[in-house]
Protein backbone atom coordinates (compact mmCIF):
# COMPACT_ATOMS: atom_id res chain seq x y z
CA UNK A 1 0.00 0.00 0.00
CA UNK A 2 2.83 2.43 0.84
CA UNK A 3 4.31 1.98 -2.65
CA UNK A 4 0.90 2.76 -4.18
CA UNK A 5 0.61 5.93 -2.09
CA UNK A 6 4.11 7.04 -3.07
CA UNK A 7 3.46 6.44 -6.77
CA UNK A 8 0.08 8.20 -6.65
CA UNK A 9 1.51 11.21 -4.82
CA UNK A 10 4.51 11.46 -7.13
CA UNK A 11 2.15 11.54 -10.13
CA UNK A 12 -0.11 14.14 -8.48
CA UNK A 13 2.85 16.36 -7.55
CA UNK A 14 4.21 16.08 -11.10
CA UNK A 15 0.86 17.34 -12.48
CA UNK A 16 0.57 20.29 -10.07
CA UNK A 17 2.89 20.62 -7.10
CA UNK A 18 0.96 23.50 -5.47
CA UNK A 19 -2.52 21.96 -5.14
CA UNK A 20 -3.34 18.27 -4.96
CA UNK A 21 -6.96 17.13 -5.09
CA UNK A 22 -8.00 13.60 -4.12
CA UNK A 23 -11.52 12.85 -5.35
CA UNK A 24 -13.90 10.06 -4.45
CA UNK A 25 -14.09 9.16 -8.16
CA UNK A 26 -10.32 8.74 -8.47
CA UNK A 27 -9.94 6.53 -5.44
CA UNK A 28 -13.17 4.54 -5.44
CA UNK A 29 -13.86 4.16 -9.16
CA UNK A 30 -10.56 4.54 -11.02
CA UNK A 31 -8.38 2.82 -8.42
CA UNK A 32 -11.18 0.48 -7.24
CA UNK A 33 -10.37 0.94 -3.55
CA UNK A 34 -12.78 -0.15 -0.83
CA UNK A 35 -13.95 2.28 1.86
CA UNK A 36 -11.55 0.93 4.53
CA UNK A 37 -8.69 0.97 2.02
CA UNK A 38 -9.50 4.57 1.04
CA UNK A 39 -9.31 5.61 4.70
CA UNK A 40 -5.89 3.98 5.10
CA UNK A 41 -4.72 5.41 1.76
CA UNK A 42 -5.75 8.92 2.84
CA UNK A 43 -4.07 8.60 6.26
CA UNK A 44 -0.79 7.51 4.67
CA UNK A 45 -1.07 10.24 2.02
CA UNK A 46 -1.78 12.92 4.61
CA UNK A 47 1.25 11.89 6.67
CA UNK A 48 3.58 11.96 3.66
CA UNK A 49 2.20 15.28 2.41
CA UNK A 50 2.58 16.87 5.84
CA UNK A 51 6.20 15.70 5.89
CA UNK A 52 6.66 17.30 2.45
CA UNK A 53 5.38 20.65 3.73
CA UNK A 54 1.77 20.54 2.52
CA UNK A 55 -1.26 21.73 4.48
CA UNK A 56 -4.08 19.18 4.17
CA UNK A 57 -7.82 19.75 4.26
CA UNK A 58 -10.84 17.43 4.40
CA UNK A 59 -14.47 17.85 3.23
CA UNK A 60 -16.06 20.96 4.70
CA UNK A 61 -12.74 22.61 5.62
CA UNK A 62 -12.07 26.15 4.43
CA UNK A 63 -8.68 26.93 2.88
CA UNK A 64 -7.08 29.72 0.87
CA UNK A 65 -5.56 29.05 -2.53
CA UNK A 66 -4.06 31.85 -4.61
CA UNK A 67 -5.65 34.42 -2.31
CA UNK A 68 -9.17 33.01 -2.71
CA UNK A 69 -11.04 31.30 0.14
CA UNK A 70 -12.40 27.92 -0.90
CA UNK A 71 -14.26 25.03 0.73
CA UNK A 72 -13.39 21.37 0.26
CA UNK A 73 -16.35 19.84 -1.59
CA UNK A 74 -18.08 16.63 -0.54
CA UNK A 75 -16.64 14.66 -3.49
CA UNK A 76 -13.09 15.84 -2.64
CA UNK A 77 -11.70 13.52 0.01
CA UNK A 78 -8.48 15.45 0.57
CA UNK A 79 -6.91 18.70 -0.63
CA UNK A 80 -3.21 19.44 -0.10
CA UNK A 81 -1.81 22.94 -0.59
CA UNK A 82 1.82 23.98 -0.68
CA UNK A 83 2.41 27.73 -0.54
C-alpha atoms as a PDB file:
ATOM      1  CA  UNK A   1       0.000   0.000   0.000  1.00  0.00           C
ATOM      2  CA  UNK A   2       2.828   2.425   0.836  1.00  0.00           C
ATOM      3  CA  UNK A   3       4.312   1.982  -2.646  1.00  0.00           C
ATOM      4  CA  UNK A   4       0.896   2.757  -4.180  1.00  0.00           C
ATOM      5  CA  UNK A   5       0.613   5.926  -2.090  1.00  0.00           C
ATOM      6  CA  UNK A   6       4.108   7.038  -3.071  1.00  0.00           C
ATOM      7  CA  UNK A   7       3.464   6.436  -6.771  1.00  0.00           C
ATOM      8  CA  UNK A   8       0.085   8.195  -6.646  1.00  0.00           C
ATOM      9  CA  UNK A   9       1.512  11.211  -4.817  1.00  0.00           C
ATOM     10  CA  UNK A  10       4.509  11.464  -7.132  1.00  0.00           C
ATOM     11  CA  UNK A  11       2.151  11.537 -10.133  1.00  0.00           C
ATOM     12  CA  UNK A  12      -0.107  14.140  -8.476  1.00  0.00           C
ATOM     13  CA  UNK A  13       2.848  16.359  -7.554  1.00  0.00           C
ATOM     14  CA  UNK A  14       4.208  16.083 -11.101  1.00  0.00           C
ATOM     15  CA  UNK A  15       0.864  17.344 -12.481  1.00  0.00           C
ATOM     16  CA  UNK A  16       0.566  20.289 -10.065  1.00  0.00           C
ATOM     17  CA  UNK A  17       2.891  20.617  -7.099  1.00  0.00           C
ATOM     18  CA  UNK A  18       0.962  23.495  -5.471  1.00  0.00           C
ATOM     19  CA  UNK A  19      -2.523  21.964  -5.137  1.00  0.00           C
ATOM     20  CA  UNK A  20      -3.339  18.271  -4.955  1.00  0.00           C
ATOM     21  CA  UNK A  21      -6.959  17.128  -5.089  1.00  0.00           C
ATOM     22  CA  UNK A  22      -7.998  13.598  -4.120  1.00  0.00           C
ATOM     23  CA  UNK A  23     -11.521  12.852  -5.347  1.00  0.00           C
ATOM     24  CA  UNK A  24     -13.903  10.063  -4.448  1.00  0.00           C
ATOM     25  CA  UNK A  25     -14.092   9.162  -8.159  1.00  0.00           C
ATOM     26  CA  UNK A  26     -10.318   8.738  -8.474  1.00  0.00           C
ATOM     27  CA  UNK A  27      -9.940   6.534  -5.437  1.00  0.00           C
ATOM     28  CA  UNK A  28     -13.169   4.543  -5.436  1.00  0.00           C
ATOM     29  CA  UNK A  29     -13.862   4.156  -9.158  1.00  0.00           C
ATOM     30  CA  UNK A  30     -10.559   4.543 -11.019  1.00  0.00           C
ATOM     31  CA  UNK A  31      -8.377   2.821  -8.419  1.00  0.00           C
ATOM     32  CA  UNK A  32     -11.178   0.483  -7.239  1.00  0.00           C
ATOM     33  CA  UNK A  33     -10.368   0.939  -3.551  1.00  0.00           C
ATOM     34  CA  UNK A  34     -12.781  -0.155  -0.827  1.00  0.00           C
ATOM     35  CA  UNK A  35     -13.948   2.282   1.855  1.00  0.00           C
ATOM     36  CA  UNK A  36     -11.546   0.927   4.534  1.00  0.00           C
ATOM     37  CA  UNK A  37      -8.687   0.969   2.023  1.00  0.00           C
ATOM     38  CA  UNK A  38      -9.503   4.572   1.045  1.00  0.00           C
ATOM     39  CA  UNK A  39      -9.312   5.611   4.704  1.00  0.00           C
ATOM     40  CA  UNK A  40      -5.890   3.982   5.099  1.00  0.00           C
ATOM     41  CA  UNK A  41      -4.719   5.411   1.763  1.00  0.00           C
ATOM     42  CA  UNK A  42      -5.750   8.921   2.837  1.00  0.00           C
ATOM     43  CA  UNK A  43      -4.073   8.602   6.265  1.00  0.00           C
ATOM     44  CA  UNK A  44      -0.794   7.512   4.667  1.00  0.00           C
ATOM     45  CA  UNK A  45      -1.072  10.241   2.017  1.00  0.00           C
ATOM     46  CA  UNK A  46      -1.782  12.920   4.611  1.00  0.00           C
ATOM     47  CA  UNK A  47       1.250  11.885   6.672  1.00  0.00           C
ATOM     48  CA  UNK A  48       3.576  11.962   3.663  1.00  0.00           C
ATOM     49  CA  UNK A  49       2.196  15.276   2.405  1.00  0.00           C
ATOM     50  CA  UNK A  50       2.583  16.874   5.839  1.00  0.00           C
ATOM     51  CA  UNK A  51       6.202  15.698   5.888  1.00  0.00           C
ATOM     52  CA  UNK A  52       6.664  17.297   2.445  1.00  0.00           C
ATOM     53  CA  UNK A  53       5.385  20.648   3.734  1.00  0.00           C
ATOM     54  CA  UNK A  54       1.772  20.540   2.516  1.00  0.00           C
ATOM     55  CA  UNK A  55      -1.262  21.730   4.476  1.00  0.00           C
ATOM     56  CA  UNK A  56      -4.076  19.184   4.174  1.00  0.00           C
ATOM     57  CA  UNK A  57      -7.821  19.754   4.258  1.00  0.00           C
ATOM     58  CA  UNK A  58     -10.842  17.435   4.403  1.00  0.00           C
ATOM     59  CA  UNK A  59     -14.474  17.851   3.228  1.00  0.00           C
ATOM     60  CA  UNK A  60     -16.061  20.958   4.699  1.00  0.00           C
ATOM     61  CA  UNK A  61     -12.745  22.610   5.621  1.00  0.00           C
ATOM     62  CA  UNK A  62     -12.066  26.151   4.434  1.00  0.00           C
ATOM     63  CA  UNK A  63      -8.678  26.931   2.883  1.00  0.00           C
ATOM     64  CA  UNK A  64      -7.076  29.718   0.873  1.00  0.00           C
ATOM     65  CA  UNK A  65      -5.564  29.051  -2.526  1.00  0.00           C
ATOM     66  CA  UNK A  66      -4.061  31.847  -4.611  1.00  0.00           C
ATOM     67  CA  UNK A  67      -5.654  34.415  -2.307  1.00  0.00           C
ATOM     68  CA  UNK A  68      -9.174  33.011  -2.714  1.00  0.00           C
ATOM     69  CA  UNK A  69     -11.042  31.301   0.140  1.00  0.00           C
ATOM     70  CA  UNK A  70     -12.403  27.920  -0.897  1.00  0.00           C
ATOM     71  CA  UNK A  71     -14.260  25.033   0.733  1.00  0.00           C
ATOM     72  CA  UNK A  72     -13.388  21.369   0.264  1.00  0.00           C
ATOM     73  CA  UNK A  73     -16.347  19.840  -1.588  1.00  0.00           C
ATOM     74  CA  UNK A  74     -18.080  16.625  -0.538  1.00  0.00           C
ATOM     75  CA  UNK A  75     -16.641  14.664  -3.489  1.00  0.00           C
ATOM     76  CA  UNK A  76     -13.094  15.835  -2.639  1.00  0.00           C
ATOM     77  CA  UNK A  77     -11.698  13.518   0.012  1.00  0.00           C
ATOM     78  CA  UNK A  78      -8.485  15.451   0.568  1.00  0.00           C
ATOM     79  CA  UNK A  79      -6.910  18.697  -0.630  1.00  0.00           C
ATOM     80  CA  UNK A  80      -3.213  19.441  -0.103  1.00  0.00           C
ATOM     81  CA  UNK A  81      -1.810  22.940  -0.591  1.00  0.00           C
ATOM     82  CA  UNK A  82       1.816  23.979  -0.680  1.00  0.00           C
ATOM     83  CA  UNK A  83       2.411  27.726  -0.540  1.00  0.00           C
END
